Structures are given as C-alpha cells and as structure tokens.
Amino acid sequence: MGELIALDELIVPPDPAAVVTCHRDITPENVRRAADGGIVVLDWENCGPASPAWELAKVLADLPEGAAGPAYRAYRDAGGPGRVTAAADFSMTVAEQGHLLEFYARRAMNLEESEGNRTRAGARLRAMLARPLTRARIERLLKECARVSVRAG
C-alpha cells in the first residue's frame, strides 16, 4: 500500500497551455461502434479541463498488459494530439486511483450502504488492487510508448 501512496509524488499540475476539454472517463464501456462504422463516446458527465496526454495515459493504463503499445500507435496514426512521454503524464490516473480506492473501500465497509452497493464496491476494489498502477507499470507503459515514438520518427 505504501507504494501506491508514494505515487502521489508523481502528481503535478497540468500545463495551462495544454489543457482542453476532455472526457476524463474514457473506458471501453463508454465507447460504442456507430451504425456507420464510426465510434460514439458516451457518458460525458465527468468532462472538463485536462491534458490530452493525461487522458491518453489513463486509457493506456486501463488496457490489458501488452495492449498499450498498439493502442498508442493507432492513436498517433489517427492524429491524436496527446503524447505520453513522462511519469507526470499519469498524474490524473494516479489521483483518480487514490480517490477511487478510498471511495470503494469506504462504500464496501459502510453498513448503511445497500448490500448491492457494498458488493459492487468490494468487487471494484479487488479488481483495482489486483492490477494497481505502480511506478513499475508506469515505466513499462512509458517504454511501450517510447518504442512507438521511435518507430513513428
């Protein structure tokens, strides 16, 4: 647990010049294929100011092991504006992880919550703790992105 708390050292404020309106909750559940073959992004209630690199880092961290490199390559090939180049690009993901771990732990232990809420919170907590974002994982993700960047020139 100390390793997760130590990740707070990576959190930095965003560069104001790089902040745009972002979704801030891109997950597979929030992306659907449109009838015309394009994509539709759903669930915009968390949208707000963020760095595209930070949102991209969050997406990459949520992918299964080994999928970040191909996803980053596809994103770049499609002209996406974000570039994940430093541990600080995971600032939003680290902050979110800390808040969600606390939220799910409190909900899972709160006897005033419904059994369903406690069960769902416990499951989400176990899933997050089974694959937490750590410094080692951040380094692996950065290496995958760097390999793509070298190939892209």
N, C-alpha and C. Protein backbone atom coordinates (compact mmCIF):
# COMPACT_ATOMS: atom_id res chain seq x y z
N MET A 1 0.82 -1.19 0.00
CA MET A 1 0.00 0.00 0.00
C MET A 1 0.87 1.25 0.00
N GLY A 2 2.01 1.20 0.67
CA GLY A 2 2.91 2.35 0.70
C GLY A 2 3.35 2.76 -0.69
N GLU A 3 3.52 1.79 -1.56
CA GLU A 3 3.92 2.10 -2.94
C GLU A 3 2.86 2.93 -3.65
N LEU A 4 1.59 2.63 -3.38
CA LEU A 4 0.52 3.39 -4.02
C LEU A 4 0.45 4.81 -3.48
N ILE A 5 0.66 4.95 -2.18
CA ILE A 5 0.65 6.28 -1.57
C ILE A 5 1.82 7.11 -2.10
N ALA A 6 2.97 6.47 -2.28
CA ALA A 6 4.16 7.17 -2.78
C ALA A 6 3.96 7.70 -4.20
N LEU A 7 3.02 7.14 -4.94
CA LEU A 7 2.76 7.63 -6.30
C LEU A 7 2.31 9.08 -6.31
N ASP A 8 1.77 9.56 -5.19
CA ASP A 8 1.34 10.96 -5.11
C ASP A 8 2.47 11.92 -5.50
N GLU A 9 3.71 11.49 -5.31
CA GLU A 9 4.86 12.33 -5.67
C GLU A 9 4.89 12.64 -7.17
N LEU A 10 4.24 11.79 -7.98
CA LEU A 10 4.24 11.99 -9.43
C LEU A 10 3.23 13.04 -9.88
N ILE A 11 2.29 13.38 -9.03
CA ILE A 11 1.21 14.29 -9.43
C ILE A 11 1.73 15.72 -9.51
N VAL A 12 1.52 16.30 -10.67
CA VAL A 12 1.89 17.70 -10.91
C VAL A 12 0.70 18.41 -11.53
N PRO A 13 0.63 19.73 -11.40
CA PRO A 13 -0.46 20.44 -12.07
C PRO A 13 -0.24 20.41 -13.59
N PRO A 14 -1.32 20.46 -14.34
CA PRO A 14 -1.17 20.45 -15.80
C PRO A 14 -0.62 21.77 -16.31
N ASP A 15 0.01 21.70 -17.45
CA ASP A 15 0.45 22.90 -18.15
C ASP A 15 -0.80 23.61 -18.66
N PRO A 16 -1.07 24.83 -18.20
CA PRO A 16 -2.30 25.52 -18.63
C PRO A 16 -2.43 25.62 -20.15
N ALA A 17 -1.33 25.69 -20.85
CA ALA A 17 -1.39 25.80 -22.31
C ALA A 17 -1.82 24.49 -22.96
N ALA A 18 -1.70 23.37 -22.23
CA ALA A 18 -2.04 22.06 -22.79
C ALA A 18 -3.44 21.60 -22.41
N VAL A 19 -4.14 22.38 -21.61
CA VAL A 19 -5.45 21.96 -21.10
C VAL A 19 -6.54 22.28 -22.13
N VAL A 20 -7.34 21.26 -22.40
CA VAL A 20 -8.52 21.39 -23.27
C VAL A 20 -9.67 20.64 -22.61
N THR A 21 -10.85 20.72 -23.18
CA THR A 21 -11.96 19.93 -22.65
C THR A 21 -11.76 18.48 -23.05
N CYS A 22 -11.71 17.61 -22.06
CA CYS A 22 -11.53 16.17 -22.26
C CYS A 22 -12.70 15.42 -21.64
N HIS A 23 -12.87 14.19 -22.03
CA HIS A 23 -13.92 13.33 -21.49
C HIS A 23 -13.64 12.98 -20.03
N ARG A 24 -12.42 12.61 -19.72
CA ARG A 24 -11.90 12.29 -18.40
C ARG A 24 -12.45 10.99 -17.80
N ASP A 25 -13.13 10.18 -18.61
CA ASP A 25 -13.60 8.89 -18.14
C ASP A 25 -13.74 7.92 -19.31
N ILE A 26 -12.77 7.95 -20.23
CA ILE A 26 -12.82 7.05 -21.39
C ILE A 26 -12.52 5.64 -20.90
N THR A 27 -13.49 4.77 -21.09
CA THR A 27 -13.34 3.35 -20.78
C THR A 27 -14.03 2.58 -21.91
N PRO A 28 -13.77 1.29 -22.03
CA PRO A 28 -14.47 0.52 -23.07
C PRO A 28 -16.00 0.62 -22.96
N GLU A 29 -16.51 0.76 -21.74
CA GLU A 29 -17.95 0.87 -21.55
C GLU A 29 -18.52 2.18 -22.10
N ASN A 30 -17.66 3.18 -22.28
CA ASN A 30 -18.12 4.49 -22.74
C ASN A 30 -17.87 4.73 -24.23
N VAL A 31 -17.44 3.71 -24.94
CA VAL A 31 -17.20 3.84 -26.37
C VAL A 31 -18.00 2.76 -27.09
N ARG A 32 -18.77 3.17 -28.08
CA ARG A 32 -19.60 2.24 -28.85
C ARG A 32 -19.37 2.45 -30.34
N ARG A 33 -19.56 1.40 -31.08
CA ARG A 33 -19.46 1.46 -32.54
C ARG A 33 -20.78 2.02 -33.07
N ALA A 34 -20.70 3.01 -33.96
CA ALA A 34 -21.88 3.61 -34.58
C ALA A 34 -22.33 2.76 -35.77
N ALA A 35 -23.55 2.94 -36.18
CA ALA A 35 -24.10 2.18 -37.31
C ALA A 35 -23.29 2.40 -38.57
N ASP A 36 -22.70 3.58 -38.73
CA ASP A 36 -21.92 3.88 -39.95
C ASP A 36 -20.47 3.40 -39.86
N GLY A 37 -20.12 2.71 -38.75
CA GLY A 37 -18.76 2.20 -38.59
C GLY A 37 -17.87 3.10 -37.75
N GLY A 38 -18.29 4.31 -37.50
CA GLY A 38 -17.51 5.22 -36.66
C GLY A 38 -17.69 4.85 -35.19
N ILE A 39 -17.27 5.74 -34.32
CA ILE A 39 -17.45 5.49 -32.90
C ILE A 39 -18.25 6.61 -32.25
N VAL A 40 -18.90 6.27 -31.16
CA VAL A 40 -19.66 7.23 -30.37
C VAL A 40 -19.12 7.13 -28.95
N VAL A 41 -18.79 8.28 -28.37
CA VAL A 41 -18.31 8.32 -26.99
C VAL A 41 -19.47 8.79 -26.11
N LEU A 42 -19.78 7.96 -25.11
CA LEU A 42 -20.91 8.20 -24.21
C LEU A 42 -20.43 8.70 -22.85
N ASP A 43 -21.38 9.08 -22.00
CA ASP A 43 -21.13 9.34 -20.58
C ASP A 43 -20.19 10.53 -20.37
N TRP A 44 -20.65 11.70 -20.72
CA TRP A 44 -19.83 12.90 -20.65
C TRP A 44 -19.97 13.68 -19.35
N GLU A 45 -20.58 13.09 -18.31
CA GLU A 45 -20.80 13.89 -17.10
C GLU A 45 -19.54 14.28 -16.36
N ASN A 46 -18.41 13.62 -16.63
CA ASN A 46 -17.14 13.96 -15.97
C ASN A 46 -16.24 14.83 -16.83
N CYS A 47 -16.74 15.28 -17.97
CA CYS A 47 -15.87 16.04 -18.87
C CYS A 47 -15.45 17.36 -18.23
N GLY A 48 -14.30 17.84 -18.67
CA GLY A 48 -13.79 19.08 -18.14
C GLY A 48 -12.35 19.30 -18.57
N PRO A 49 -11.70 20.26 -17.98
CA PRO A 49 -10.33 20.59 -18.40
C PRO A 49 -9.33 19.49 -18.01
N ALA A 50 -8.50 19.14 -18.97
CA ALA A 50 -7.42 18.17 -18.74
C ALA A 50 -6.47 18.23 -19.92
N SER A 51 -5.35 17.60 -19.76
CA SER A 51 -4.37 17.49 -20.83
C SER A 51 -4.68 16.24 -21.65
N PRO A 52 -4.68 16.34 -22.99
CA PRO A 52 -4.88 15.14 -23.80
C PRO A 52 -3.89 14.02 -23.46
N ALA A 53 -2.65 14.38 -23.13
CA ALA A 53 -1.67 13.36 -22.75
C ALA A 53 -2.10 12.63 -21.49
N TRP A 54 -2.68 13.35 -20.55
CA TRP A 54 -3.13 12.73 -19.30
C TRP A 54 -4.31 11.80 -19.54
N GLU A 55 -5.24 12.24 -20.38
CA GLU A 55 -6.38 11.37 -20.68
C GLU A 55 -5.90 10.13 -21.43
N LEU A 56 -4.98 10.30 -22.35
CA LEU A 56 -4.42 9.17 -23.08
C LEU A 56 -3.70 8.22 -22.13
N ALA A 57 -2.93 8.74 -21.19
CA ALA A 57 -2.23 7.90 -20.22
C ALA A 57 -3.22 7.07 -19.42
N LYS A 58 -4.34 7.65 -19.06
CA LYS A 58 -5.38 6.92 -18.32
C LYS A 58 -5.92 5.77 -19.16
N VAL A 59 -6.20 6.03 -20.41
CA VAL A 59 -6.71 4.98 -21.31
C VAL A 59 -5.68 3.85 -21.42
N LEU A 60 -4.42 4.21 -21.64
CA LEU A 60 -3.37 3.19 -21.79
C LEU A 60 -3.22 2.36 -20.52
N ALA A 61 -3.33 3.00 -19.35
CA ALA A 61 -3.20 2.28 -18.08
C ALA A 61 -4.36 1.32 -17.85
N ASP A 62 -5.50 1.60 -18.44
CA ASP A 62 -6.68 0.74 -18.26
C ASP A 62 -6.68 -0.47 -19.19
N LEU A 63 -5.80 -0.47 -20.19
CA LEU A 63 -5.79 -1.57 -21.15
C LEU A 63 -5.10 -2.81 -20.59
N PRO A 64 -5.42 -3.97 -21.14
CA PRO A 64 -4.73 -5.19 -20.70
C PRO A 64 -3.23 -5.10 -20.99
N GLU A 65 -2.45 -5.87 -20.25
CA GLU A 65 -0.99 -5.90 -20.41
C GLU A 65 -0.63 -6.16 -21.87
N GLY A 66 0.27 -5.35 -22.43
CA GLY A 66 0.75 -5.51 -23.79
C GLY A 66 -0.08 -4.81 -24.85
N ALA A 67 -1.23 -4.26 -24.47
CA ALA A 67 -2.10 -3.60 -25.45
C ALA A 67 -1.82 -2.11 -25.61
N ALA A 68 -1.05 -1.53 -24.69
CA ALA A 68 -0.82 -0.08 -24.73
C ALA A 68 -0.04 0.35 -25.97
N GLY A 69 0.99 -0.40 -26.33
CA GLY A 69 1.80 -0.03 -27.49
C GLY A 69 0.97 0.04 -28.77
N PRO A 70 0.24 -1.03 -29.11
CA PRO A 70 -0.61 -0.97 -30.31
C PRO A 70 -1.68 0.12 -30.24
N ALA A 71 -2.26 0.33 -29.06
CA ALA A 71 -3.27 1.38 -28.92
C ALA A 71 -2.64 2.76 -29.12
N TYR A 72 -1.46 2.96 -28.55
CA TYR A 72 -0.77 4.25 -28.70
C TYR A 72 -0.42 4.49 -30.16
N ARG A 73 0.05 3.45 -30.84
CA ARG A 73 0.38 3.56 -32.27
C ARG A 73 -0.87 3.95 -33.07
N ALA A 74 -1.99 3.28 -32.81
CA ALA A 74 -3.23 3.58 -33.53
C ALA A 74 -3.69 5.00 -33.25
N TYR A 75 -3.58 5.43 -32.01
CA TYR A 75 -3.95 6.79 -31.62
C TYR A 75 -3.11 7.81 -32.38
N ARG A 76 -1.81 7.59 -32.40
CA ARG A 76 -0.92 8.51 -33.11
C ARG A 76 -1.18 8.50 -34.61
N ASP A 77 -1.37 7.29 -35.16
CA ASP A 77 -1.65 7.18 -36.60
C ASP A 77 -2.93 7.90 -36.98
N ALA A 78 -3.89 7.96 -36.05
CA ALA A 78 -5.16 8.64 -36.30
C ALA A 78 -5.07 10.14 -36.08
N GLY A 79 -3.89 10.63 -35.66
CA GLY A 79 -3.70 12.06 -35.48
C GLY A 79 -4.04 12.57 -34.10
N GLY A 80 -4.14 11.68 -33.11
CA GLY A 80 -4.43 12.11 -31.74
C GLY A 80 -3.39 13.09 -31.25
N PRO A 81 -3.78 14.12 -30.50
CA PRO A 81 -2.84 15.18 -30.09
C PRO A 81 -1.96 14.85 -28.89
N GLY A 82 -2.35 13.89 -28.05
CA GLY A 82 -1.61 13.61 -26.83
C GLY A 82 -0.34 12.82 -27.09
N ARG A 83 0.67 13.06 -26.26
CA ARG A 83 1.92 12.29 -26.29
C ARG A 83 2.26 11.93 -24.85
N VAL A 84 2.43 10.63 -24.59
CA VAL A 84 2.78 10.15 -23.25
C VAL A 84 4.28 9.94 -23.23
N THR A 85 4.98 10.82 -22.49
CA THR A 85 6.45 10.79 -22.52
C THR A 85 7.09 10.78 -21.13
N ALA A 86 6.31 11.03 -20.08
CA ALA A 86 6.89 11.14 -18.75
C ALA A 86 5.93 10.60 -17.70
N ALA A 87 6.47 10.21 -16.57
CA ALA A 87 5.64 9.69 -15.48
C ALA A 87 4.58 10.70 -15.06
N ALA A 88 4.88 11.98 -15.15
CA ALA A 88 3.91 13.02 -14.77
C ALA A 88 2.67 12.99 -15.65
N ASP A 89 2.76 12.39 -16.84
CA ASP A 89 1.59 12.27 -17.71
C ASP A 89 0.52 11.37 -17.09
N PHE A 90 0.89 10.61 -16.06
CA PHE A 90 -0.05 9.74 -15.36
C PHE A 90 -0.64 10.43 -14.13
N SER A 91 -0.44 11.74 -13.98
CA SER A 91 -0.93 12.48 -12.82
C SER A 91 -2.43 12.28 -12.59
N MET A 92 -3.22 12.42 -13.62
CA MET A 92 -4.67 12.28 -13.48
C MET A 92 -5.03 10.85 -13.08
N THR A 93 -4.35 9.88 -13.66
CA THR A 93 -4.63 8.48 -13.38
C THR A 93 -4.25 8.13 -11.94
N VAL A 94 -3.12 8.62 -11.48
CA VAL A 94 -2.68 8.37 -10.11
C VAL A 94 -3.68 8.99 -9.12
N ALA A 95 -4.07 10.24 -9.37
CA ALA A 95 -5.02 10.90 -8.47
C ALA A 95 -6.36 10.16 -8.46
N GLU A 96 -6.82 9.78 -9.64
CA GLU A 96 -8.09 9.05 -9.72
C GLU A 96 -8.01 7.72 -8.99
N GLN A 97 -6.92 7.00 -9.16
CA GLN A 97 -6.76 5.71 -8.49
C GLN A 97 -6.87 5.88 -6.96
N GLY A 98 -6.19 6.88 -6.43
CA GLY A 98 -6.25 7.11 -4.99
C GLY A 98 -7.65 7.42 -4.52
N HIS A 99 -8.36 8.26 -5.25
CA HIS A 99 -9.72 8.63 -4.86
C HIS A 99 -10.67 7.42 -4.96
N LEU A 100 -10.55 6.65 -6.04
CA LEU A 100 -11.44 5.51 -6.21
C LEU A 100 -11.17 4.41 -5.19
N LEU A 101 -9.90 4.17 -4.88
CA LEU A 101 -9.61 3.17 -3.86
C LEU A 101 -10.24 3.55 -2.52
N GLU A 102 -10.12 4.82 -2.16
CA GLU A 102 -10.74 5.27 -0.91
C GLU A 102 -12.26 5.16 -0.99
N PHE A 103 -12.84 5.61 -2.09
CA PHE A 103 -14.30 5.59 -2.26
C PHE A 103 -14.83 4.17 -2.16
N TYR A 104 -14.24 3.24 -2.92
CA TYR A 104 -14.73 1.86 -2.91
C TYR A 104 -14.51 1.19 -1.55
N ALA A 105 -13.39 1.47 -0.90
CA ALA A 105 -13.15 0.89 0.43
C ALA A 105 -14.19 1.39 1.43
N ARG A 106 -14.46 2.68 1.42
CA ARG A 106 -15.46 3.23 2.35
C ARG A 106 -16.84 2.64 2.07
N ARG A 107 -17.21 2.58 0.79
CA ARG A 107 -18.53 2.05 0.43
C ARG A 107 -18.64 0.57 0.79
N ALA A 108 -17.59 -0.20 0.52
CA ALA A 108 -17.63 -1.63 0.79
C ALA A 108 -17.78 -1.93 2.29
N MET A 109 -17.27 -1.04 3.13
CA MET A 109 -17.32 -1.27 4.59
C MET A 109 -18.49 -0.56 5.28
N ASN A 110 -19.23 0.26 4.54
CA ASN A 110 -20.29 1.06 5.14
C ASN A 110 -21.57 0.23 5.25
N LEU A 111 -21.94 -0.12 6.46
CA LEU A 111 -23.13 -0.95 6.68
C LEU A 111 -24.43 -0.22 6.37
N GLU A 112 -24.34 1.10 6.19
CA GLU A 112 -25.54 1.87 5.81
C GLU A 112 -25.80 1.79 4.30
N GLU A 113 -24.81 1.32 3.54
CA GLU A 113 -24.99 1.12 2.10
C GLU A 113 -25.79 -0.15 1.86
N SER A 114 -26.45 -0.23 0.73
CA SER A 114 -27.18 -1.46 0.39
C SER A 114 -26.18 -2.59 0.17
N GLU A 115 -26.66 -3.79 0.31
CA GLU A 115 -25.80 -4.97 0.07
C GLU A 115 -25.25 -4.93 -1.35
N GLY A 116 -26.07 -4.53 -2.31
CA GLY A 116 -25.62 -4.44 -3.71
C GLY A 116 -24.49 -3.45 -3.88
N ASN A 117 -24.61 -2.27 -3.28
CA ASN A 117 -23.55 -1.27 -3.37
C ASN A 117 -22.27 -1.76 -2.72
N ARG A 118 -22.40 -2.40 -1.55
CA ARG A 118 -21.21 -2.91 -0.87
C ARG A 118 -20.54 -4.01 -1.70
N THR A 119 -21.33 -4.87 -2.28
CA THR A 119 -20.79 -5.97 -3.10
C THR A 119 -20.07 -5.42 -4.33
N ARG A 120 -20.72 -4.48 -5.04
CA ARG A 120 -20.09 -3.88 -6.23
C ARG A 120 -18.81 -3.14 -5.87
N ALA A 121 -18.85 -2.39 -4.77
CA ALA A 121 -17.67 -1.64 -4.34
C ALA A 121 -16.53 -2.60 -3.98
N GLY A 122 -16.85 -3.68 -3.30
CA GLY A 122 -15.83 -4.66 -2.95
C GLY A 122 -15.21 -5.30 -4.19
N ALA A 123 -16.05 -5.61 -5.18
CA ALA A 123 -15.54 -6.20 -6.42
C ALA A 123 -14.63 -5.22 -7.16
N ARG A 124 -15.04 -3.97 -7.22
CA ARG A 124 -14.21 -2.96 -7.91
C ARG A 124 -12.90 -2.74 -7.16
N LEU A 125 -12.96 -2.73 -5.86
CA LEU A 125 -11.77 -2.56 -5.04
C LEU A 125 -10.79 -3.72 -5.28
N ARG A 126 -11.30 -4.94 -5.28
CA ARG A 126 -10.44 -6.11 -5.53
C ARG A 126 -9.83 -6.05 -6.93
N ALA A 127 -10.63 -5.65 -7.92
CA ALA A 127 -10.12 -5.56 -9.29
C ALA A 127 -9.01 -4.51 -9.39
N MET A 128 -9.20 -3.36 -8.76
CA MET A 128 -8.17 -2.31 -8.81
C MET A 128 -6.90 -2.75 -8.10
N LEU A 129 -7.05 -3.42 -6.95
CA LEU A 129 -5.88 -3.83 -6.20
C LEU A 129 -5.17 -5.03 -6.84
N ALA A 130 -5.88 -5.76 -7.69
CA ALA A 130 -5.25 -6.87 -8.40
C ALA A 130 -4.31 -6.37 -9.50
N ARG A 131 -4.54 -5.16 -9.98
CA ARG A 131 -3.74 -4.60 -11.06
C ARG A 131 -3.57 -3.08 -10.85
N PRO A 132 -2.95 -2.69 -9.76
CA PRO A 132 -2.83 -1.26 -9.47
C PRO A 132 -1.81 -0.58 -10.40
N LEU A 133 -2.00 0.70 -10.57
CA LEU A 133 -0.99 1.48 -11.26
C LEU A 133 0.15 1.71 -10.29
N THR A 134 1.33 1.26 -10.65
CA THR A 134 2.52 1.39 -9.81
C THR A 134 3.61 2.08 -10.64
N ARG A 135 4.69 2.45 -9.98
CA ARG A 135 5.82 3.04 -10.71
C ARG A 135 6.33 2.06 -11.77
N ALA A 136 6.40 0.78 -11.42
CA ALA A 136 6.89 -0.22 -12.38
C ALA A 136 5.97 -0.30 -13.59
N ARG A 137 4.66 -0.27 -13.37
CA ARG A 137 3.74 -0.30 -14.50
C ARG A 137 3.83 0.96 -15.34
N ILE A 138 3.97 2.09 -14.69
CA ILE A 138 4.14 3.36 -15.42
C ILE A 138 5.39 3.29 -16.29
N GLU A 139 6.48 2.79 -15.75
CA GLU A 139 7.72 2.66 -16.53
C GLU A 139 7.52 1.74 -17.73
N ARG A 140 6.82 0.62 -17.55
CA ARG A 140 6.55 -0.28 -18.68
C ARG A 140 5.71 0.41 -19.74
N LEU A 141 4.71 1.15 -19.32
CA LEU A 141 3.86 1.87 -20.27
C LEU A 141 4.66 2.94 -21.03
N LEU A 142 5.52 3.65 -20.30
CA LEU A 142 6.35 4.67 -20.96
C LEU A 142 7.29 4.02 -21.99
N LYS A 143 7.82 2.86 -21.67
CA LYS A 143 8.69 2.16 -22.63
C LYS A 143 7.92 1.75 -23.87
N GLU A 144 6.69 1.26 -23.70
CA GLU A 144 5.87 0.91 -24.85
C GLU A 144 5.61 2.13 -25.73
N CYS A 145 5.30 3.25 -25.11
CA CYS A 145 5.04 4.48 -25.86
C CYS A 145 6.31 4.97 -26.55
N ALA A 146 7.44 4.86 -25.88
CA ALA A 146 8.70 5.31 -26.46
C ALA A 146 9.05 4.47 -27.70
N ARG A 147 8.80 3.16 -27.65
CA ARG A 147 9.06 2.31 -28.82
C ARG A 147 8.21 2.75 -30.00
N VAL A 148 6.96 3.09 -29.74
CA VAL A 148 6.09 3.57 -30.82
C VAL A 148 6.61 4.90 -31.36
N SER A 149 7.02 5.79 -30.47
CA SER A 149 7.51 7.12 -30.87
C SER A 149 8.76 7.01 -31.72
N VAL A 150 9.65 6.09 -31.38
CA VAL A 150 10.88 5.90 -32.15
C VAL A 150 10.54 5.44 -33.56
N ARG A 151 9.60 4.50 -33.67
CA ARG A 151 9.19 4.00 -34.99
C ARG A 151 8.50 5.07 -35.80
N ALA A 152 7.73 5.95 -35.10
CA ALA A 152 6.98 7.00 -35.79
C ALA A 152 7.91 8.11 -36.28
N GLY A 153 9.09 8.18 -35.67
CA GLY A 153 10.09 9.18 -36.06
C GLY A 153 9.71 10.50 -35.63
